[in-house]
């Protein structure tokens, strides 16, 4: 497996998690204080698009890492739980780095 697959996942996990936290703050402002309805709409739409991209990237990583279906579902759902993607991303990186290291070719000895 190439390291670029893991890098794409890491970027999208962080972007999705940060956008979800911003969306939560916007929802508190909208429903708690009655302000920012337009901003909340824009942020929710942006998070939705980014989450779809996250799903594609995470599924790609899961298929190349040959994860079981249950693990893949948990990773896909972590983009909908505030702060969960930060913790899941760390665990995924720790489990996936050995797969990337094993895929690197051995240097040729002369």
N, C-alpha and C. Protein backbone atom coordinates (compact mmCIF):
# COMPACT_ATOMS: atom_id res chain seq x y z
N UNK A 1 0.85 -1.18 0.00
CA UNK A 1 0.00 0.00 0.00
C UNK A 1 0.89 1.24 0.00
N UNK A 2 0.50 2.25 -0.74
CA UNK A 2 1.28 3.47 -0.83
C UNK A 2 0.97 4.39 0.36
N UNK A 3 1.94 5.17 0.73
CA UNK A 3 1.75 6.09 1.86
C UNK A 3 0.80 7.22 1.50
N UNK A 4 0.61 7.50 0.21
CA UNK A 4 -0.30 8.57 -0.19
C UNK A 4 -1.75 8.26 0.19
N UNK A 5 -2.10 6.98 0.22
CA UNK A 5 -3.46 6.58 0.61
C UNK A 5 -3.69 6.97 2.06
N UNK A 6 -2.71 6.69 2.91
CA UNK A 6 -2.82 7.04 4.32
C UNK A 6 -2.81 8.56 4.51
N UNK A 7 -2.00 9.26 3.75
CA UNK A 7 -1.94 10.72 3.85
C UNK A 7 -3.28 11.35 3.47
N UNK A 8 -3.89 10.86 2.41
CA UNK A 8 -5.21 11.38 2.02
C UNK A 8 -6.22 11.15 3.13
N UNK A 9 -6.19 9.97 3.73
CA UNK A 9 -7.12 9.68 4.82
C UNK A 9 -6.88 10.63 6.00
N UNK A 10 -5.63 10.82 6.38
CA UNK A 10 -5.32 11.67 7.52
C UNK A 10 -5.80 13.10 7.30
N UNK A 11 -5.56 13.63 6.11
CA UNK A 11 -5.99 15.01 5.81
C UNK A 11 -7.51 15.10 5.88
N UNK A 12 -8.20 14.17 5.27
CA UNK A 12 -9.66 14.24 5.27
C UNK A 12 -10.24 13.98 6.66
N UNK A 13 -9.60 13.15 7.46
CA UNK A 13 -10.08 12.91 8.83
C UNK A 13 -10.00 14.20 9.64
N UNK A 14 -8.88 14.90 9.54
CA UNK A 14 -8.73 16.15 10.29
C UNK A 14 -9.67 17.24 9.76
N UNK A 15 -9.76 17.38 8.45
CA UNK A 15 -10.63 18.40 7.88
C UNK A 15 -12.09 18.14 8.26
N UNK A 16 -12.52 16.90 8.15
CA UNK A 16 -13.90 16.56 8.50
C UNK A 16 -14.16 16.79 9.98
N UNK A 17 -13.21 16.42 10.83
CA UNK A 17 -13.40 16.59 12.27
C UNK A 17 -13.47 18.07 12.66
N UNK A 18 -12.61 18.88 12.07
CA UNK A 18 -12.62 20.31 12.37
C UNK A 18 -13.92 20.94 11.87
N UNK A 19 -14.35 20.58 10.67
CA UNK A 19 -15.59 21.13 10.14
C UNK A 19 -16.79 20.71 10.98
N UNK A 20 -16.76 19.51 11.53
CA UNK A 20 -17.85 19.06 12.39
C UNK A 20 -17.88 19.86 13.68
N UNK A 21 -16.72 20.19 14.24
CA UNK A 21 -16.68 21.02 15.44
C UNK A 21 -17.19 22.44 15.14
N UNK A 22 -16.82 22.97 13.99
CA UNK A 22 -17.32 24.29 13.59
C UNK A 22 -18.84 24.23 13.40
N UNK A 23 -19.32 23.15 12.80
CA UNK A 23 -20.76 22.99 12.61
C UNK A 23 -21.48 22.93 13.96
N UNK A 24 -20.90 22.23 14.93
CA UNK A 24 -21.52 22.16 16.25
C UNK A 24 -21.60 23.54 16.90
N UNK A 25 -20.54 24.32 16.75
CA UNK A 25 -20.54 25.69 17.29
C UNK A 25 -21.60 26.54 16.59
N UNK A 26 -21.73 26.38 15.29
CA UNK A 26 -22.76 27.12 14.55
C UNK A 26 -24.16 26.72 14.99
N UNK A 27 -24.36 25.44 15.25
CA UNK A 27 -25.68 24.97 15.70
C UNK A 27 -26.02 25.53 17.07
N UNK A 28 -25.04 25.61 17.95
CA UNK A 28 -25.27 26.22 19.26
C UNK A 28 -25.65 27.69 19.09
N UNK A 29 -24.94 28.39 18.21
CA UNK A 29 -25.25 29.80 17.97
C UNK A 29 -26.64 29.96 17.36
N UNK A 30 -26.98 29.08 16.43
CA UNK A 30 -28.27 29.19 15.76
C UNK A 30 -29.44 28.88 16.70
N UNK A 31 -29.37 27.74 17.36
CA UNK A 31 -30.50 27.31 18.18
C UNK A 31 -30.44 27.84 19.62
N UNK A 32 -29.25 28.15 20.10
CA UNK A 32 -29.13 28.66 21.46
C UNK A 32 -29.31 30.16 21.56
N UNK A 33 -28.82 30.87 20.53
CA UNK A 33 -28.84 32.33 20.60
C UNK A 33 -29.60 32.98 19.45
N UNK A 34 -30.06 32.18 18.50
CA UNK A 34 -30.86 32.70 17.40
C UNK A 34 -30.09 33.53 16.39
N UNK A 35 -28.80 33.30 16.27
CA UNK A 35 -27.98 34.05 15.31
C UNK A 35 -27.24 33.08 14.39
N UNK A 36 -26.85 33.57 13.21
CA UNK A 36 -25.99 32.80 12.33
C UNK A 36 -26.67 31.72 11.53
N UNK A 37 -27.93 31.94 11.15
CA UNK A 37 -28.64 30.90 10.40
C UNK A 37 -28.00 30.67 9.03
N UNK A 38 -27.59 31.73 8.35
CA UNK A 38 -26.97 31.58 7.03
C UNK A 38 -25.61 30.91 7.12
N UNK A 39 -24.85 31.27 8.13
CA UNK A 39 -23.53 30.65 8.32
C UNK A 39 -23.69 29.17 8.63
N UNK A 40 -24.65 28.83 9.45
CA UNK A 40 -24.89 27.43 9.79
C UNK A 40 -25.26 26.63 8.56
N UNK A 41 -26.08 27.21 7.70
CA UNK A 41 -26.46 26.51 6.47
C UNK A 41 -25.23 26.26 5.59
N UNK A 42 -24.40 27.28 5.42
CA UNK A 42 -23.21 27.14 4.57
C UNK A 42 -22.24 26.12 5.15
N UNK A 43 -22.02 26.16 6.45
CA UNK A 43 -21.09 25.23 7.09
C UNK A 43 -21.64 23.80 7.01
N UNK A 44 -22.95 23.64 7.18
CA UNK A 44 -23.52 22.30 7.11
C UNK A 44 -23.39 21.71 5.71
N UNK A 45 -23.58 22.54 4.69
CA UNK A 45 -23.43 22.06 3.32
C UNK A 45 -21.97 21.68 3.03
N UNK A 46 -21.05 22.52 3.48
CA UNK A 46 -19.62 22.24 3.27
C UNK A 46 -19.21 20.97 4.00
N UNK A 47 -19.68 20.81 5.25
CA UNK A 47 -19.34 19.59 5.98
C UNK A 47 -19.91 18.36 5.28
N UNK A 48 -21.11 18.47 4.73
CA UNK A 48 -21.70 17.34 4.03
C UNK A 48 -20.87 16.89 2.83
N UNK A 49 -20.40 17.86 2.06
CA UNK A 49 -19.56 17.53 0.90
C UNK A 49 -18.24 16.93 1.36
N UNK A 50 -17.62 17.53 2.37
CA UNK A 50 -16.35 17.01 2.88
C UNK A 50 -16.51 15.62 3.48
N UNK A 51 -17.65 15.36 4.13
CA UNK A 51 -17.88 14.04 4.71
C UNK A 51 -18.00 12.98 3.60
N UNK A 52 -18.63 13.32 2.50
CA UNK A 52 -18.72 12.38 1.39
C UNK A 52 -17.32 12.06 0.86
N UNK A 53 -16.48 13.08 0.73
CA UNK A 53 -15.10 12.84 0.29
C UNK A 53 -14.37 11.98 1.31
N UNK A 54 -14.60 12.24 2.61
CA UNK A 54 -14.01 11.43 3.68
C UNK A 54 -14.43 9.97 3.55
N UNK A 55 -15.70 9.73 3.26
CA UNK A 55 -16.19 8.36 3.10
C UNK A 55 -15.46 7.63 1.98
N UNK A 56 -15.28 8.31 0.86
CA UNK A 56 -14.60 7.69 -0.28
C UNK A 56 -13.15 7.38 0.06
N UNK A 57 -12.47 8.34 0.69
CA UNK A 57 -11.05 8.16 1.03
C UNK A 57 -10.88 7.07 2.08
N UNK A 58 -11.75 7.06 3.10
CA UNK A 58 -11.65 6.04 4.15
C UNK A 58 -11.97 4.65 3.59
N UNK A 59 -12.95 4.57 2.70
CA UNK A 59 -13.27 3.28 2.08
C UNK A 59 -12.10 2.79 1.23
N UNK A 60 -11.45 3.70 0.53
CA UNK A 60 -10.28 3.34 -0.27
C UNK A 60 -9.17 2.78 0.62
N UNK A 61 -8.90 3.46 1.73
CA UNK A 61 -7.88 2.98 2.66
C UNK A 61 -8.27 1.63 3.24
N UNK A 62 -9.52 1.49 3.63
CA UNK A 62 -9.98 0.23 4.21
C UNK A 62 -9.91 -0.94 3.25
N UNK A 63 -10.22 -0.69 2.00
CA UNK A 63 -10.15 -1.78 1.02
C UNK A 63 -8.71 -2.18 0.74
N UNK A 64 -7.80 -1.22 0.72
CA UNK A 64 -6.39 -1.54 0.48
C UNK A 64 -5.73 -2.16 1.70
N UNK A 65 -6.21 -1.82 2.90
CA UNK A 65 -5.66 -2.41 4.12
C UNK A 65 -6.36 -3.72 4.47
N UNK A 66 -7.40 -4.08 3.72
CA UNK A 66 -8.16 -5.32 3.92
C UNK A 66 -8.75 -5.42 5.33
N UNK A 67 -9.42 -4.32 5.76
CA UNK A 67 -10.06 -4.29 7.07
C UNK A 67 -11.35 -5.09 7.03
N UNK A 68 -11.75 -5.67 8.16
CA UNK A 68 -13.07 -6.31 8.23
C UNK A 68 -14.17 -5.24 8.13
N UNK A 69 -15.36 -5.66 7.74
CA UNK A 69 -16.46 -4.74 7.50
C UNK A 69 -16.83 -3.92 8.74
N UNK A 70 -16.85 -4.55 9.91
CA UNK A 70 -17.20 -3.84 11.15
C UNK A 70 -16.25 -2.70 11.46
N UNK A 71 -14.97 -2.95 11.27
CA UNK A 71 -13.98 -1.90 11.52
C UNK A 71 -14.15 -0.76 10.52
N UNK A 72 -14.41 -1.09 9.26
CA UNK A 72 -14.60 -0.07 8.24
C UNK A 72 -15.83 0.80 8.57
N UNK A 73 -16.90 0.19 9.00
CA UNK A 73 -18.11 0.94 9.36
C UNK A 73 -17.81 1.90 10.51
N UNK A 74 -17.10 1.44 11.54
CA UNK A 74 -16.77 2.31 12.66
C UNK A 74 -15.95 3.51 12.19
N UNK A 75 -15.01 3.30 11.32
CA UNK A 75 -14.18 4.40 10.83
C UNK A 75 -15.01 5.35 9.98
N UNK A 76 -15.92 4.84 9.20
CA UNK A 76 -16.78 5.70 8.39
C UNK A 76 -17.71 6.53 9.27
N UNK A 77 -18.24 5.95 10.32
CA UNK A 77 -19.16 6.66 11.21
C UNK A 77 -18.43 7.68 12.08
N UNK A 78 -17.15 7.49 12.30
CA UNK A 78 -16.42 8.41 13.18
C UNK A 78 -16.42 9.85 12.66
N UNK A 79 -16.69 10.05 11.39
CA UNK A 79 -16.79 11.40 10.85
C UNK A 79 -18.06 12.12 11.22
N UNK A 80 -18.99 11.43 11.89
CA UNK A 80 -20.24 12.06 12.30
C UNK A 80 -20.30 12.34 13.79
N UNK A 81 -19.31 11.88 14.54
CA UNK A 81 -19.28 12.08 15.99
C UNK A 81 -18.21 13.12 16.30
N UNK A 82 -18.60 14.24 16.93
CA UNK A 82 -17.60 15.28 17.21
C UNK A 82 -16.41 14.72 18.01
N UNK A 83 -15.23 15.04 17.59
CA UNK A 83 -13.92 14.67 18.14
C UNK A 83 -13.55 13.20 17.96
N UNK A 84 -14.47 12.35 17.52
CA UNK A 84 -14.15 10.92 17.37
C UNK A 84 -13.11 10.70 16.27
N UNK A 85 -13.19 11.47 15.21
CA UNK A 85 -12.27 11.27 14.08
C UNK A 85 -10.82 11.53 14.49
N UNK A 86 -10.60 12.42 15.45
CA UNK A 86 -9.23 12.67 15.91
C UNK A 86 -8.63 11.41 16.55
N UNK A 87 -9.42 10.74 17.38
CA UNK A 87 -8.93 9.54 18.08
C UNK A 87 -8.84 8.35 17.14
N UNK A 88 -9.83 8.20 16.28
CA UNK A 88 -9.83 7.09 15.33
C UNK A 88 -8.67 7.23 14.35
N UNK A 89 -8.39 8.46 13.93
CA UNK A 89 -7.29 8.69 12.99
C UNK A 89 -5.97 8.23 13.58
N UNK A 90 -5.73 8.53 14.85
CA UNK A 90 -4.49 8.10 15.51
C UNK A 90 -4.37 6.58 15.52
N UNK A 91 -5.47 5.91 15.83
CA UNK A 91 -5.46 4.45 15.88
C UNK A 91 -5.24 3.85 14.49
N UNK A 92 -5.90 4.43 13.49
CA UNK A 92 -5.75 3.94 12.11
C UNK A 92 -4.31 4.10 11.64
N UNK A 93 -3.70 5.23 11.94
CA UNK A 93 -2.31 5.46 11.52
C UNK A 93 -1.39 4.45 12.18
N UNK A 94 -1.59 4.21 13.47
CA UNK A 94 -0.74 3.25 14.18
C UNK A 94 -0.87 1.84 13.60
N UNK A 95 -2.07 1.47 13.18
CA UNK A 95 -2.28 0.14 12.62
C UNK A 95 -1.86 0.03 11.15
N UNK A 96 -1.86 1.14 10.43
CA UNK A 96 -1.61 1.11 9.00
C UNK A 96 -0.14 1.33 8.65
N UNK A 97 0.60 2.03 9.47
CA UNK A 97 2.01 2.29 9.18
C UNK A 97 2.83 1.02 8.95
N UNK A 98 2.63 -0.05 9.72
CA UNK A 98 3.38 -1.28 9.41
C UNK A 98 3.05 -1.86 8.03
N UNK A 99 1.83 -1.69 7.56
CA UNK A 99 1.48 -2.17 6.22
C UNK A 99 2.22 -1.40 5.14
N UNK A 100 2.43 -0.12 5.38
CA UNK A 100 3.17 0.70 4.41
C UNK A 100 4.65 0.34 4.45
N UNK A 101 5.18 0.12 5.65
CA UNK A 101 6.59 -0.24 5.77
C UNK A 101 6.88 -1.60 5.13
N UNK A 102 5.94 -2.53 5.24
CA UNK A 102 6.12 -3.86 4.63
C UNK A 102 6.07 -3.80 3.11
N UNK A 103 5.39 -2.81 2.56
CA UNK A 103 5.22 -2.72 1.12
C UNK A 103 6.42 -2.09 0.42
N UNK A 104 7.31 -1.50 1.16
CA UNK A 104 8.48 -0.86 0.55
C UNK A 104 9.46 -1.92 0.07
N UNK A 105 10.00 -1.73 -1.11
CA UNK A 105 10.94 -2.73 -1.64
C UNK A 105 12.27 -2.69 -0.91
N UNK A 106 12.90 -3.82 -0.86
CA UNK A 106 14.22 -3.93 -0.24
C UNK A 106 15.26 -3.33 -1.18
N UNK A 107 16.25 -2.65 -0.65
CA UNK A 107 17.30 -2.12 -1.53
C UNK A 107 18.13 -3.28 -2.10
N UNK A 108 18.58 -3.10 -3.30
CA UNK A 108 19.36 -4.13 -3.98
C UNK A 108 20.80 -4.06 -3.48
N UNK A 109 21.34 -5.22 -3.09
CA UNK A 109 22.72 -5.29 -2.64
C UNK A 109 23.60 -5.71 -3.80
N UNK A 110 24.68 -5.00 -3.99
CA UNK A 110 25.57 -5.31 -5.11
C UNK A 110 26.60 -6.36 -4.76
